[in-house]
Amino acid sequence: MSGRLQILVSSVNKDVHELPVKMNIETDAVIVNQIIGRDGSSRDEVFEVDGKKIRAFERLEKGVGLSRNTALAGADSELIHFGDDDIVYDRGYSDKIEKEFDAHPDADIILFNVKAQEGRETYWNEDFAPVTWKNYGRYPAYAIAARREKLVESGVKYSLLFGGGAPYMNGEDSLFLHDCLKAGLKLFRTPVALGYEESGESTWFKGYTDKFFFDRGVLYAFLYGKYARILGLRYLIKNRKEMCREKGLLKSFMLLLSGIGEGNRLRKT
């Protein structure tokens, strides 16, 4: 182990030697770069950038959940933080993460602020407080830092069903935190900020298509079980002016119900 903190970076078709500089990584890191749609080969590499150890895994595979699990399996530090290749870290982020965990020894996972690009904001923490079943669903992976041993001991891993490169659209981060809570890990949020997300196009959102509503139903089956239908309907009613403008509330709900049915079947396998 060469440091208290490692950044676990999931990337696609990037130069693993350029990423640590581009992202302003000042700690050790594990980078999993998936090679998709171009020539390449799987390889493992270890190198240094400004005295920091970088472990790079290039893989001929796709799926963000698989990428994050590979990065976690390759980590050996006390603390880890999940990152994406479009995150740029502030100077001193490592001290901020370490100080928060030192100040809160009962925290297994802490969700930090990272400024999202305009229009994609899902959260911004204003205080330090527990994260519970009522408020876990808003956080992206790049908010998540954890005590590595606690996370590994819990057995929680990223689902291979959801997220970029997976069969179903986004939701992998919510499901991951759902499983962390279910495993008994103690989650907290903090107003401490670590950096920002660069501007770019979404890798998964292509509009409110049939697949959007169906995949949302699959996710809700995993997140909410027998309450998936009522919570799914509430979600659609709350967002009907934007989401259901084209298809209408009824058709959108029927698509979501179909997804819930598939999700329930998957949960039983």
Protein backbone atom coordinates (compact mmCIF):
# COMPACT_ATOMS: atom_id res chain seq x y z
CA MET A 1 0.00 0.00 0.00
CA SER A 2 1.54 3.28 -1.15
CA GLY A 3 -0.84 5.87 0.23
CA ARG A 4 -4.02 6.39 2.21
CA LEU A 5 -6.17 7.32 -0.78
CA GLN A 6 -6.63 6.06 -4.33
CA ILE A 7 -8.89 7.49 -7.03
CA LEU A 8 -10.65 4.70 -8.93
CA VAL A 9 -11.18 6.01 -12.45
CA SER A 10 -13.56 4.48 -14.99
CA SER A 11 -12.80 5.60 -18.53
CA VAL A 12 -13.53 4.68 -22.14
CA ASN A 13 -11.05 5.04 -25.02
CA LYS A 14 -8.74 7.39 -23.13
CA ASP A 15 -4.96 7.68 -22.85
CA VAL A 16 -4.21 6.34 -19.37
CA HIS A 17 -0.96 8.32 -19.24
CA GLU A 18 -2.72 11.63 -19.92
CA LEU A 19 -5.67 11.14 -17.56
CA PRO A 20 -3.84 11.71 -14.22
CA VAL A 21 -2.62 15.10 -15.46
CA LYS A 22 -5.92 16.08 -17.11
CA MET A 23 -7.89 15.15 -13.99
CA ASN A 24 -5.37 16.81 -11.65
CA ILE A 25 -4.92 13.59 -9.69
CA GLU A 26 -2.50 14.20 -6.82
CA THR A 27 -2.84 10.79 -5.17
CA ASP A 28 -2.32 7.19 -6.19
CA ALA A 29 -4.93 5.92 -8.64
CA VAL A 30 -6.36 2.85 -10.34
CA ILE A 31 -7.54 3.49 -13.89
CA VAL A 32 -9.72 1.02 -15.80
CA ASN A 33 -9.88 2.06 -19.45
CA GLN A 34 -12.35 0.15 -21.59
CA ILE A 35 -11.41 -0.07 -25.27
CA ILE A 36 -14.61 0.04 -27.32
CA GLY A 37 -15.00 0.25 -31.08
CA ARG A 38 -11.32 0.55 -31.89
CA ASP A 39 -8.23 -1.63 -32.14
CA GLY A 40 -6.40 -2.47 -28.95
CA SER A 41 -5.57 -5.20 -26.51
CA SER A 42 -5.99 -5.88 -22.81
CA ARG A 43 -2.95 -5.02 -20.73
CA ASP A 44 -1.95 -4.08 -17.19
CA GLU A 45 0.56 -1.35 -16.45
CA VAL A 46 2.04 0.42 -13.43
CA PHE A 47 3.71 3.83 -13.75
CA GLU A 48 4.30 6.99 -11.76
CA VAL A 49 3.15 10.57 -12.24
CA ASP A 50 4.84 13.12 -9.98
CA GLY A 51 5.75 10.36 -7.56
CA LYS A 52 2.23 8.92 -7.39
CA LYS A 53 1.59 5.29 -8.29
CA ILE A 54 -0.87 4.70 -11.14
CA ARG A 55 -2.17 1.20 -11.85
CA ALA A 56 -3.80 1.04 -15.29
CA PHE A 57 -5.95 -1.78 -16.61
CA GLU A 58 -6.93 -1.62 -20.28
CA ARG A 59 -9.75 -4.00 -21.16
CA LEU A 60 -11.60 -5.13 -24.30
CA GLU A 61 -14.97 -5.00 -22.56
CA LYS A 62 -17.74 -2.59 -21.76
CA GLY A 63 -19.95 -1.75 -18.81
CA VAL A 64 -19.37 0.88 -16.17
CA GLY A 65 -20.29 -1.49 -13.34
CA LEU A 66 -17.68 -3.98 -14.50
CA SER A 67 -15.15 -1.15 -14.76
CA ARG A 68 -15.77 0.05 -11.21
CA ASN A 69 -15.60 -3.48 -9.80
CA THR A 70 -12.30 -4.08 -11.58
CA ALA A 71 -10.91 -0.84 -10.17
CA LEU A 72 -12.02 -1.72 -6.64
CA ALA A 73 -10.46 -5.18 -6.93
CA GLY A 74 -7.18 -3.54 -7.99
CA ALA A 75 -7.10 -1.04 -5.11
CA ASP A 76 -5.05 -1.50 -1.95
CA SER A 77 -5.41 1.81 -0.10
CA GLU A 78 -7.21 2.66 3.12
CA LEU A 79 -9.60 5.07 1.37
CA ILE A 80 -10.98 5.09 -2.16
CA HIS A 81 -12.93 7.59 -4.24
CA PHE A 82 -14.80 6.64 -7.42
CA GLY A 83 -14.03 8.96 -10.32
CA ASP A 84 -14.91 9.37 -13.98
CA ASP A 85 -12.64 10.54 -16.78
CA ASP A 86 -14.48 13.87 -17.03
CA ILE A 87 -13.87 14.90 -13.40
CA VAL A 88 -11.23 17.53 -12.61
CA TYR A 89 -10.10 17.57 -8.98
CA ASP A 90 -9.29 20.67 -6.95
CA ARG A 91 -5.82 21.05 -5.50
CA GLY A 92 -5.82 19.61 -2.00
CA TYR A 93 -8.74 17.21 -2.54
CA SER A 94 -6.82 14.38 -0.90
CA ASP A 95 -6.42 16.28 2.38
CA LYS A 96 -10.13 17.09 2.35
CA ILE A 97 -11.13 13.44 1.98
CA GLU A 98 -8.71 12.20 4.61
CA LYS A 99 -9.73 14.91 7.11
CA GLU A 100 -13.43 14.08 6.71
CA PHE A 101 -12.86 10.41 7.42
CA ASP A 102 -10.56 11.22 10.33
CA ALA A 103 -13.17 13.58 11.78
CA HIS A 104 -15.92 10.97 11.41
CA PRO A 105 -14.52 7.55 12.35
CA ASP A 106 -18.00 5.99 12.29
CA ALA A 107 -18.48 6.81 8.61
CA ASP A 108 -17.94 3.92 6.19
CA ILE A 109 -18.92 5.97 3.14
CA ILE A 110 -18.98 9.75 2.72
CA LEU A 111 -20.67 11.48 -0.22
CA PHE A 112 -18.77 14.61 -1.24
CA ASN A 113 -19.77 17.55 -3.42
CA VAL A 114 -18.52 17.55 -7.00
CA LYS A 115 -19.96 20.33 -9.15
CA ALA A 116 -21.88 18.81 -12.07
CA GLN A 117 -22.08 20.49 -15.43
CA GLU A 118 -25.03 22.81 -15.87
CA GLY A 119 -28.30 20.99 -16.42
CA ARG A 120 -27.18 17.71 -14.85
CA GLU A 121 -27.24 18.71 -11.20
CA THR A 122 -28.88 16.07 -9.00
CA TYR A 123 -27.56 17.07 -5.58
CA TRP A 124 -25.53 19.58 -3.61
CA ASN A 125 -24.86 18.93 0.07
CA GLU A 126 -25.31 21.83 2.45
CA ASP A 127 -24.47 20.04 5.70
CA PHE A 128 -22.93 16.94 7.23
CA ALA A 129 -25.68 14.43 7.93
CA PRO A 130 -26.55 10.73 7.61
CA VAL A 131 -27.64 9.36 4.26
CA THR A 132 -30.67 7.11 4.72
CA TRP A 133 -33.30 5.22 2.74
CA LYS A 134 -35.05 8.56 2.23
CA ASN A 135 -32.27 10.39 0.41
CA TYR A 136 -29.69 7.99 -1.03
CA GLY A 137 -30.95 8.05 -4.62
CA ARG A 138 -29.55 11.38 -5.83
CA TYR A 139 -25.83 10.69 -5.79
CA PRO A 140 -23.53 9.84 -8.71
CA ALA A 141 -20.46 7.62 -8.37
CA TYR A 142 -18.10 10.59 -8.32
CA ALA A 143 -19.63 11.67 -5.00
CA ILE A 144 -18.69 8.39 -3.32
CA ALA A 145 -15.63 7.89 -1.11
CA ALA A 146 -15.28 4.87 1.16
CA ARG A 147 -13.14 2.97 3.60
CA ARG A 148 -11.98 0.26 1.23
CA GLU A 149 -11.83 -2.63 3.71
CA LYS A 150 -15.33 -1.89 5.01
CA LEU A 151 -16.70 -1.83 1.47
CA VAL A 152 -14.91 -5.03 0.47
CA GLU A 153 -15.99 -6.83 3.65
CA SER A 154 -19.62 -5.89 2.97
CA GLY A 155 -19.50 -7.76 -0.34
CA VAL A 156 -21.26 -4.90 -2.15
CA LYS A 157 -20.31 -4.49 -5.80
CA TYR A 158 -21.65 -2.54 -8.73
CA SER A 159 -24.43 -4.19 -10.70
CA LEU A 160 -23.54 -5.31 -14.22
CA LEU A 161 -27.12 -4.72 -15.38
CA PHE A 162 -27.30 -0.92 -15.21
CA GLY A 163 -25.34 2.04 -16.54
CA GLY A 164 -23.26 2.83 -19.60
CA GLY A 165 -22.44 -0.28 -21.63
CA ALA A 166 -24.92 -2.42 -19.65
CA PRO A 167 -28.32 -3.82 -20.77
CA TYR A 168 -30.31 -1.16 -18.92
CA MET A 169 -29.81 2.58 -18.59
CA ASN A 170 -28.54 4.55 -15.63
CA GLY A 171 -29.30 3.80 -11.99
CA GLU A 172 -26.21 1.80 -11.09
CA ASP A 173 -25.08 4.36 -8.51
CA SER A 174 -28.44 4.45 -6.73
CA LEU A 175 -28.50 0.65 -6.66
CA PHE A 176 -24.95 0.56 -5.32
CA LEU A 177 -25.82 2.89 -2.42
CA HIS A 178 -29.06 0.96 -1.87
CA ASP A 179 -27.01 -2.21 -1.44
CA CYS A 180 -24.54 -0.44 0.86
CA LEU A 181 -27.38 0.59 3.17
CA LYS A 182 -28.85 -2.90 3.01
CA ALA A 183 -25.45 -4.33 4.01
CA GLY A 184 -25.40 -2.13 7.11
CA LEU A 185 -22.72 0.33 6.02
CA LYS A 186 -22.94 3.80 7.56
CA LEU A 187 -23.33 6.54 4.93
CA PHE A 188 -22.98 10.29 5.42
CA ARG A 189 -23.01 13.38 3.21
CA THR A 190 -20.68 16.35 3.53
CA PRO A 191 -20.62 19.89 2.11
CA VAL A 192 -16.90 19.51 1.33
CA ALA A 193 -16.28 19.92 -2.43
CA LEU A 194 -13.61 18.03 -4.38
CA GLY A 195 -13.79 19.34 -7.94
CA TYR A 196 -16.04 19.65 -10.98
CA GLU A 197 -17.39 17.74 -13.97
CA GLU A 198 -16.30 18.84 -17.42
CA SER A 199 -18.97 19.66 -20.01
CA GLY A 200 -19.92 16.95 -22.48
CA GLU A 201 -22.82 14.97 -23.91
CA SER A 202 -24.60 12.34 -21.85
CA THR A 203 -23.48 8.81 -22.64
CA TRP A 204 -26.87 7.31 -21.86
CA PHE A 205 -29.76 9.82 -22.13
CA LYS A 206 -31.30 9.85 -25.62
CA GLY A 207 -34.65 11.35 -24.71
CA TYR A 208 -37.81 9.99 -23.11
CA THR A 209 -38.00 6.92 -25.31
CA ASP A 210 -39.75 3.60 -24.74
CA LYS A 211 -36.44 2.23 -23.45
CA PHE A 212 -36.13 5.08 -20.95
CA PHE A 213 -39.42 4.19 -19.24
CA PHE A 214 -38.92 0.42 -19.53
CA ASP A 215 -35.42 0.58 -18.05
CA ARG A 216 -36.64 2.85 -15.27
CA GLY A 217 -39.16 0.16 -14.39
CA VAL A 218 -36.46 -2.52 -14.24
CA LEU A 219 -34.45 -0.30 -11.89
CA TYR A 220 -37.44 0.44 -9.67
CA ALA A 221 -38.07 -3.29 -9.25
CA PHE A 222 -34.55 -3.66 -7.83
CA LEU A 223 -34.75 -0.54 -5.68
CA TYR A 224 -38.26 -0.75 -4.28
CA GLY A 225 -39.58 -4.29 -4.67
CA LYS A 226 -43.32 -4.45 -3.97
CA TYR A 227 -43.50 -0.65 -3.82
CA ALA A 228 -42.08 -0.22 -7.34
CA ARG A 229 -45.47 0.39 -9.02
CA ILE A 230 -46.71 3.08 -6.67
CA LEU A 231 -43.36 4.84 -6.46
CA GLY A 232 -42.96 4.60 -10.22
CA LEU A 233 -46.38 6.19 -10.75
CA ARG A 234 -45.51 8.93 -8.28
CA TYR A 235 -42.25 9.56 -10.16
CA LEU A 236 -44.09 9.90 -13.47
CA ILE A 237 -46.82 12.15 -12.08
CA LYS A 238 -44.23 14.40 -10.47
CA ASN A 239 -42.32 14.74 -13.77
CA ARG A 240 -45.20 14.32 -16.23
CA LYS A 241 -44.94 17.80 -17.79
CA GLU A 242 -41.44 17.07 -19.00
CA MET A 243 -41.18 13.30 -19.26
CA CYS A 244 -44.68 12.37 -20.44
CA ARG A 245 -45.31 15.27 -22.78
CA GLU A 246 -44.81 13.13 -25.89
CA LYS A 247 -46.15 9.70 -24.90
CA GLY A 248 -48.67 10.68 -22.26
CA LEU A 249 -48.87 9.51 -18.67
CA LEU A 250 -50.75 6.25 -19.36
CA LYS A 251 -48.39 4.90 -22.05
CA SER A 252 -45.36 5.95 -20.02
CA PHE A 253 -46.72 4.11 -17.00
CA MET A 254 -47.49 0.97 -19.02
CA LEU A 255 -43.91 0.91 -20.29
CA LEU A 256 -42.65 1.34 -16.76
CA LEU A 257 -44.87 -1.53 -15.57
CA SER A 258 -43.41 -3.78 -18.28
CA GLY A 259 -39.95 -2.93 -17.00
CA ILE A 260 -40.97 -3.68 -13.42
CA GLY A 261 -42.18 -7.10 -14.56
CA GLU A 262 -38.82 -7.83 -16.18
CA GLY A 263 -36.98 -6.52 -13.13
CA ASN A 264 -38.96 -8.81 -10.85
CA ARG A 265 -38.07 -11.79 -13.04
CA LEU A 266 -34.39 -10.85 -12.99
CA ARG A 267 -34.42 -10.51 -9.20
CA LYS A 268 -35.60 -14.12 -8.90
CA THR A 269 -32.85 -15.56 -11.09
